[in-house]
C-alpha cells in the first residue's frame, strides 16, 4: 500500500507553481497559490519540523529587533 504525505504533496505542488514565470500568472492563479501555501503551513506547523522553523524564525526576529535598538 502506498501512502502519500499531504504536506509533501503540497510542497511539490508549491514548488511547481512557483517555478512558472510571473507574467504567466493570473490573479486567480496567485490566489490559489496563496491558499495552497496557507494549507501547507497549517499542516506543517504542528510537526517537529514546523516547530523548529518557528523557533529559528522567532530567534531571527528577536535578534533583528534587538539589533535595531
PDB file of N, CA and C in Angstrom:
ATOM      1  N   UNK A   1       0.845  -1.178   0.000  1.00  0.00           N
ATOM      2  CA  UNK A   1       0.000   0.000   0.000  1.00  0.00           C
ATOM      3  C   UNK A   1       0.890   1.241   0.000  1.00  0.00           C
ATOM      4  N   UNK A   2       0.588   2.173  -0.862  1.00  0.00           N
ATOM      5  CA  UNK A   2       1.362   3.401  -0.990  1.00  0.00           C
ATOM      6  C   UNK A   2       0.644   4.522  -0.267  1.00  0.00           C
ATOM      7  N   UNK A   3       1.338   5.196   0.631  1.00  0.00           N
ATOM      8  CA  UNK A   3       0.755   6.349   1.308  1.00  0.00           C
ATOM      9  C   UNK A   3       1.517   7.590   0.900  1.00  0.00           C
ATOM     10  N   UNK A   4       0.805   8.680   0.753  1.00  0.00           N
ATOM     11  CA  UNK A   4       1.406   9.951   0.374  1.00  0.00           C
ATOM     12  C   UNK A   4       1.129  10.961   1.480  1.00  0.00           C
ATOM     13  N   UNK A   5       2.162  11.561   1.992  1.00  0.00           N
ATOM     14  CA  UNK A   5       2.005  12.602   2.991  1.00  0.00           C
ATOM     15  C   UNK A   5       1.467  13.844   2.284  1.00  0.00           C
ATOM     16  N   UNK A   6       0.337  14.362   2.770  1.00  0.00           N
ATOM     17  CA  UNK A   6      -0.309  15.510   2.124  1.00  0.00           C
ATOM     18  C   UNK A   6       0.601  16.729   2.143  1.00  0.00           C
ATOM     19  N   UNK A   7       1.347  16.935   3.220  1.00  0.00           N
ATOM     20  CA  UNK A   7       2.248  18.086   3.302  1.00  0.00           C
ATOM     21  C   UNK A   7       3.342  18.002   2.240  1.00  0.00           C
ATOM     22  N   UNK A   8       3.870  16.803   2.012  1.00  0.00           N
ATOM     23  CA  UNK A   8       4.906  16.629   0.986  1.00  0.00           C
ATOM     24  C   UNK A   8       4.309  16.883  -0.399  1.00  0.00           C
ATOM     25  N   UNK A   9       3.118  16.373  -0.633  1.00  0.00           N
ATOM     26  CA  UNK A   9       2.448  16.601  -1.915  1.00  0.00           C
ATOM     27  C   UNK A   9       2.208  18.091  -2.151  1.00  0.00           C
ATOM     28  N   UNK A  10       1.744  18.805  -1.131  1.00  0.00           N
ATOM     29  CA  UNK A  10       1.539  20.249  -1.274  1.00  0.00           C
ATOM     30  C   UNK A  10       2.857  20.983  -1.495  1.00  0.00           C
ATOM     31  N   UNK A  11       3.934  20.534  -0.847  1.00  0.00           N
ATOM     32  CA  UNK A  11       5.236  21.173  -1.060  1.00  0.00           C
ATOM     33  C   UNK A  11       5.675  21.028  -2.513  1.00  0.00           C
ATOM     34  N   UNK A  12       5.457  19.860  -3.096  1.00  0.00           N
ATOM     35  CA  UNK A  12       5.810  19.648  -4.505  1.00  0.00           C
ATOM     36  C   UNK A  12       4.955  20.542  -5.397  1.00  0.00           C
ATOM     37  N   UNK A  13       3.667  20.633  -5.107  1.00  0.00           N
ATOM     38  CA  UNK A  13       2.774  21.487  -5.902  1.00  0.00           C
ATOM     39  C   UNK A  13       3.208  22.943  -5.807  1.00  0.00           C
ATOM     40  N   UNK A  14       3.593  23.392  -4.613  1.00  0.00           N
ATOM     41  CA  UNK A  14       4.032  24.778  -4.429  1.00  0.00           C
ATOM     42  C   UNK A  14       5.280  25.052  -5.254  1.00  0.00           C
ATOM     43  N   UNK A  15       6.240  24.149  -5.207  1.00  0.00           N
ATOM     44  CA  UNK A  15       7.480  24.349  -5.971  1.00  0.00           C
ATOM     45  C   UNK A  15       7.181  24.423  -7.466  1.00  0.00           C
ATOM     46  N   UNK A  16       6.329  23.546  -7.954  1.00  0.00           N
ATOM     47  CA  UNK A  16       5.993  23.544  -9.388  1.00  0.00           C
ATOM     48  C   UNK A  16       5.285  24.838  -9.769  1.00  0.00           C
ATOM     49  N   UNK A  17       4.358  25.293  -8.932  1.00  0.00           N
ATOM     50  CA  UNK A  17       3.612  26.519  -9.246  1.00  0.00           C
ATOM     51  C   UNK A  17       4.507  27.752  -9.196  1.00  0.00           C
ATOM     52  N   UNK A  18       5.448  27.791  -8.271  1.00  0.00           N
ATOM     53  CA  UNK A  18       6.299  28.971  -8.132  1.00  0.00           C
ATOM     54  C   UNK A  18       7.409  29.029  -9.172  1.00  0.00           C
ATOM     55  N   UNK A  19       7.681  27.917  -9.838  1.00  0.00           N
ATOM     56  CA  UNK A  19       8.717  27.918 -10.882  1.00  0.00           C
ATOM     57  C   UNK A  19       8.235  28.589 -12.162  1.00  0.00           C
ATOM     58  N   UNK A  20       6.928  28.742 -12.295  1.00  0.00           N
ATOM     59  CA  UNK A  20       6.385  29.368 -13.508  1.00  0.00           C
ATOM     60  C   UNK A  20       6.735  30.849 -13.542  1.00  0.00           C
ATOM     61  N   UNK A  21       6.758  31.402 -14.717  1.00  0.00           N
ATOM     62  CA  UNK A  21       7.070  32.817 -14.883  1.00  0.00           C
ATOM     63  C   UNK A  21       5.980  33.675 -14.266  1.00  0.00           C
ATOM     64  N   UNK A  22       6.365  34.785 -13.676  1.00  0.00           N
ATOM     65  CA  UNK A  22       5.418  35.675 -13.010  1.00  0.00           C
ATOM     66  C   UNK A  22       4.411  36.247 -13.996  1.00  0.00           C
ATOM     67  N   UNK A  23       4.849  36.571 -15.206  1.00  0.00           N
ATOM     68  CA  UNK A  23       3.963  37.174 -16.190  1.00  0.00           C
ATOM     69  C   UNK A  23       2.856  36.218 -16.623  1.00  0.00           C
ATOM     70  N   UNK A  24       3.076  34.918 -16.466  1.00  0.00           N
ATOM     71  CA  UNK A  24       2.105  33.930 -16.927  1.00  0.00           C
ATOM     72  C   UNK A  24       1.007  33.666 -15.892  1.00  0.00           C
ATOM     73  N   UNK A  25       1.085  34.290 -14.731  1.00  0.00           N
ATOM     74  CA  UNK A  25       0.115  34.034 -13.672  1.00  0.00           C
ATOM     75  C   UNK A  25      -1.018  35.046 -13.706  1.00  0.00           C
ATOM     76  N   UNK A  26      -2.225  34.557 -13.552  1.00  0.00           N
ATOM     77  CA  UNK A  26      -3.375  35.442 -13.420  1.00  0.00           C
ATOM     78  C   UNK A  26      -3.600  35.726 -11.938  1.00  0.00           C
ATOM     79  N   UNK A  27      -4.469  36.663 -11.661  1.00  0.00           N
ATOM     80  CA  UNK A  27      -4.775  36.992 -10.262  1.00  0.00           C
ATOM     81  C   UNK A  27      -5.397  35.781  -9.559  1.00  0.00           C
ATOM     82  N   UNK A  28      -6.265  35.070 -10.241  1.00  0.00           N
ATOM     83  CA  UNK A  28      -6.893  33.886  -9.674  1.00  0.00           C
ATOM     84  C   UNK A  28      -5.842  32.819  -9.378  1.00  0.00           C
ATOM     85  N   UNK A  29      -4.878  32.658 -10.275  1.00  0.00           N
ATOM     86  CA  UNK A  29      -3.807  31.680 -10.085  1.00  0.00           C
ATOM     87  C   UNK A  29      -2.974  32.025  -8.851  1.00  0.00           C
ATOM     88  N   UNK A  30      -2.692  33.304  -8.639  1.00  0.00           N
ATOM     89  CA  UNK A  30      -1.935  33.731  -7.472  1.00  0.00           C
ATOM     90  C   UNK A  30      -2.717  33.470  -6.191  1.00  0.00           C
ATOM     91  N   UNK A  31      -4.030  33.680  -6.221  1.00  0.00           N
ATOM     92  CA  UNK A  31      -4.865  33.432  -5.044  1.00  0.00           C
ATOM     93  C   UNK A  31      -4.889  31.946  -4.695  1.00  0.00           C
ATOM     94  N   UNK A  32      -4.940  31.093  -5.700  1.00  0.00           N
ATOM     95  CA  UNK A  32      -4.915  29.650  -5.457  1.00  0.00           C
ATOM     96  C   UNK A  32      -3.570  29.252  -4.849  1.00  0.00           C
ATOM     97  N   UNK A  33      -2.490  29.831  -5.331  1.00  0.00           N
ATOM     98  CA  UNK A  33      -1.163  29.528  -4.781  1.00  0.00           C
ATOM     99  C   UNK A  33      -1.083  29.945  -3.322  1.00  0.00           C
ATOM    100  N   UNK A  34      -1.605  31.117  -2.991  1.00  0.00           N
ATOM    101  CA  UNK A  34      -1.611  31.582  -1.605  1.00  0.00           C
ATOM    102  C   UNK A  34      -2.426  30.628  -0.728  1.00  0.00           C
ATOM    103  N   UNK A  35      -3.564  30.180  -1.207  1.00  0.00           N
ATOM    104  CA  UNK A  35      -4.391  29.245  -0.457  1.00  0.00           C
ATOM    105  C   UNK A  35      -3.651  27.929  -0.209  1.00  0.00           C
ATOM    106  N   UNK A  36      -2.969  27.426  -1.222  1.00  0.00           N
ATOM    107  CA  UNK A  36      -2.205  26.185  -1.076  1.00  0.00           C
ATOM    108  C   UNK A  36      -1.086  26.364  -0.050  1.00  0.00           C
ATOM    109  N   UNK A  37      -0.407  27.502  -0.087  1.00  0.00           N
ATOM    110  CA  UNK A  37       0.673  27.759   0.868  1.00  0.00           C
ATOM    111  C   UNK A  37       0.121  27.850   2.291  1.00  0.00           C
ATOM    112  N   UNK A  38      -1.040  28.477   2.464  1.00  0.00           N
ATOM    113  CA  UNK A  38      -1.642  28.560   3.793  1.00  0.00           C
ATOM    114  C   UNK A  38      -2.013  27.179   4.331  1.00  0.00           C
ATOM    115  N   UNK A  39      -2.595  26.340   3.489  1.00  0.00           N
ATOM    116  CA  UNK A  39      -2.935  24.980   3.910  1.00  0.00           C
ATOM    117  C   UNK A  39      -1.670  24.211   4.262  1.00  0.00           C
ATOM    118  N   UNK A  40      -0.612  24.377   3.469  1.00  0.00           N
ATOM    119  CA  UNK A  40       0.667  23.736   3.753  1.00  0.00           C
ATOM    120  C   UNK A  40       1.194  24.169   5.122  1.00  0.00           C
ATOM    121  N   UNK A  41       1.109  25.460   5.409  1.00  0.00           N
ATOM    122  CA  UNK A  41       1.565  25.977   6.703  1.00  0.00           C
ATOM    123  C   UNK A  41       0.796  25.382   7.862  1.00  0.00           C
ATOM    124  N   UNK A  42      -0.513  25.240   7.690  1.00  0.00           N
ATOM    125  CA  UNK A  42      -1.334  24.645   8.752  1.00  0.00           C
ATOM    126  C   UNK A  42      -0.964  23.184   8.966  1.00  0.00           C
ATOM    127  N   UNK A  43      -0.666  22.464   7.892  1.00  0.00           N
ATOM    128  CA  UNK A  43      -0.302  21.056   8.015  1.00  0.00           C
ATOM    129  C   UNK A  43       1.083  20.855   8.624  1.00  0.00           C
ATOM    130  N   UNK A  44       2.013  21.759   8.336  1.00  0.00           N
ATOM    131  CA  UNK A  44       3.394  21.596   8.790  1.00  0.00           C
ATOM    132  C   UNK A  44       3.598  22.153  10.200  1.00  0.00           C
ATOM    133  N   UNK A  45       2.815  23.146  10.596  1.00  0.00           N
ATOM    134  CA  UNK A  45       3.027  23.838  11.872  1.00  0.00           C
ATOM    135  C   UNK A  45       3.087  22.909  13.085  1.00  0.00           C
ATOM    136  N   UNK A  46       2.199  21.926  13.246  1.00  0.00           N
ATOM    137  CA  UNK A  46       2.263  21.107  14.456  1.00  0.00           C
ATOM    138  C   UNK A  46       3.365  20.035  14.455  1.00  0.00           C
ATOM    139  N   UNK A  47       4.093  19.897  13.367  1.00  0.00           N
ATOM    140  CA  UNK A  47       5.134  18.875  13.301  1.00  0.00           C
ATOM    141  C   UNK A  47       6.421  19.380  13.949  1.00  0.00           C
ATOM    142  N   UNK A  48       7.348  18.470  14.197  1.00  0.00           N
ATOM    143  CA  UNK A  48       8.638  18.848  14.777  1.00  0.00           C
ATOM    144  C   UNK A  48       9.389  19.794  13.837  1.00  0.00           C
ATOM    145  N   UNK A  49       9.302  19.533  12.528  1.00  0.00           N
ATOM    146  CA  UNK A  49       9.950  20.417  11.552  1.00  0.00           C
ATOM    147  C   UNK A  49       9.356  21.820  11.629  1.00  0.00           C
ATOM    148  N   UNK A  50       8.036  21.900  11.692  1.00  0.00           N
ATOM    149  CA  UNK A  50       7.357  23.201  11.778  1.00  0.00           C
ATOM    150  C   UNK A  50       7.735  23.957  13.036  1.00  0.00           C
ATOM    151  N   UNK A  51       7.838  23.248  14.158  1.00  0.00           N
ATOM    152  CA  UNK A  51       8.232  23.892  15.410  1.00  0.00           C
ATOM    153  C   UNK A  51       9.672  24.389  15.334  1.00  0.00           C
ATOM    154  N   UNK A  52      10.536  23.619  14.682  1.00  0.00           N
ATOM    155  CA  UNK A  52      11.925  24.055  14.505  1.00  0.00           C
ATOM    156  C   UNK A  52      12.028  25.303  13.663  1.00  0.00           C
ATOM    157  N   UNK A  53      11.266  25.349  12.582  1.00  0.00           N
ATOM    158  CA  UNK A  53      11.253  26.541  11.725  1.00  0.00           C
ATOM    159  C   UNK A  53      10.722  27.742  12.503  1.00  0.00           C
ATOM    160  N   UNK A  54       9.659  27.546  13.280  1.00  0.00           N
ATOM    161  CA  UNK A  54       9.098  28.634  14.080  1.00  0.00           C
ATOM    162  C   UNK A  54      10.116  29.149  15.096  1.00  0.00           C
ATOM    163  N   UNK A  55      10.868  28.248  15.717  1.00  0.00           N
ATOM    164  CA  UNK A  55      11.895  28.659  16.677  1.00  0.00           C
ATOM    165  C   UNK A  55      13.003  29.471  16.005  1.00  0.00           C
ATOM    166  N   UNK A  56      13.451  29.022  14.851  1.00  0.00           N
ATOM    167  CA  UNK A  56      14.516  29.733  14.130  1.00  0.00           C
ATOM    168  C   UNK A  56      14.037  31.122  13.702  1.00  0.00           C
ATOM    169  N   UNK A  57      12.831  31.195  13.157  1.00  0.00           N
ATOM    170  CA  UNK A  57      12.290  32.494  12.726  1.00  0.00           C
ATOM    171  C   UNK A  57      12.095  33.416  13.928  1.00  0.00           C
ATOM    172  N   UNK A  58      11.633  32.861  15.040  1.00  0.00           N
ATOM    173  CA  UNK A  58      11.463  33.658  16.252  1.00  0.00           C
ATOM    174  C   UNK A  58      12.784  34.212  16.766  1.00  0.00           C
ATOM    175  N   UNK A  59      13.821  33.379  16.764  1.00  0.00           N
ATOM    176  CA  UNK A  59      15.141  33.832  17.204  1.00  0.00           C
ATOM    177  C   UNK A  59      15.697  34.893  16.260  1.00  0.00           C
ATOM    178  N   UNK A  60      15.472  34.706  14.965  1.00  0.00           N
ATOM    179  CA  UNK A  60      15.921  35.699  13.985  1.00  0.00           C
ATOM    180  C   UNK A  60      15.215  37.023  14.192  1.00  0.00           C
ATOM    181  N   UNK A  61      13.906  36.971  14.414  1.00  0.00           N
ATOM    182  CA  UNK A  61      13.141  38.201  14.637  1.00  0.00           C
ATOM    183  C   UNK A  61      13.584  38.889  15.914  1.00  0.00           C
ATOM    184  N   UNK A  62      13.845  38.125  16.959  1.00  0.00           N
ATOM    185  CA  UNK A  62      14.319  38.696  18.212  1.00  0.00           C
ATOM    186  C   UNK A  62      15.682  39.362  18.023  1.00  0.00           C
ATOM    187  N   UNK A  63      16.569  38.697  17.308  1.00  0.00           N
ATOM    188  CA  UNK A  63      17.892  39.253  17.038  1.00  0.00           C
ATOM    189  C   UNK A  63      17.824  40.539  16.242  1.00  0.00           C
ATOM    190  N   UNK A  64      16.955  40.580  15.237  1.00  0.00           N
ATOM    191  CA  UNK A  64      16.805  41.787  14.425  1.00  0.00           C
ATOM    192  C   UNK A  64      16.199  42.928  15.230  1.00  0.00           C
ATOM    193  N   UNK A  65      15.255  42.605  16.114  1.00  0.00           N
ATOM    194  CA  UNK A  65      14.634  43.636  16.948  1.00  0.00           C
ATOM    195  C   UNK A  65      15.641  44.226  17.913  1.00  0.00           C
ATOM    196  N   UNK A  66      16.447  43.358  18.524  1.00  0.00           N
ATOM    197  CA  UNK A  66      17.452  43.841  19.474  1.00  0.00           C
ATOM    198  C   UNK A  66      18.554  44.612  18.776  1.00  0.00           C
ATOM    199  N   UNK A  67      18.888  44.238  17.551  1.00  0.00           N
ATOM    200  CA  UNK A  67      19.931  44.938  16.808  1.00  0.00           C
ATOM    201  C   UNK A  67      19.466  46.327  16.397  1.00  0.00           C
ATOM    202  N   UNK A  68      18.159  46.499  16.241  1.00  0.00           N
ATOM    203  CA  UNK A  68      17.622  47.793  15.826  1.00  0.00           C
ATOM    204  C   UNK A  68      17.509  48.799  16.955  1.00  0.00           C
ATOM    205  N   UNK A  69      17.745  48.365  18.187  1.00  0.00           N
ATOM    206  CA  UNK A  69      17.604  49.280  19.323  1.00  0.00           C
ATOM    207  C   UNK A  69      18.816  50.120  19.530  1.00  0.00           C
TER     208      UNK A  69
END
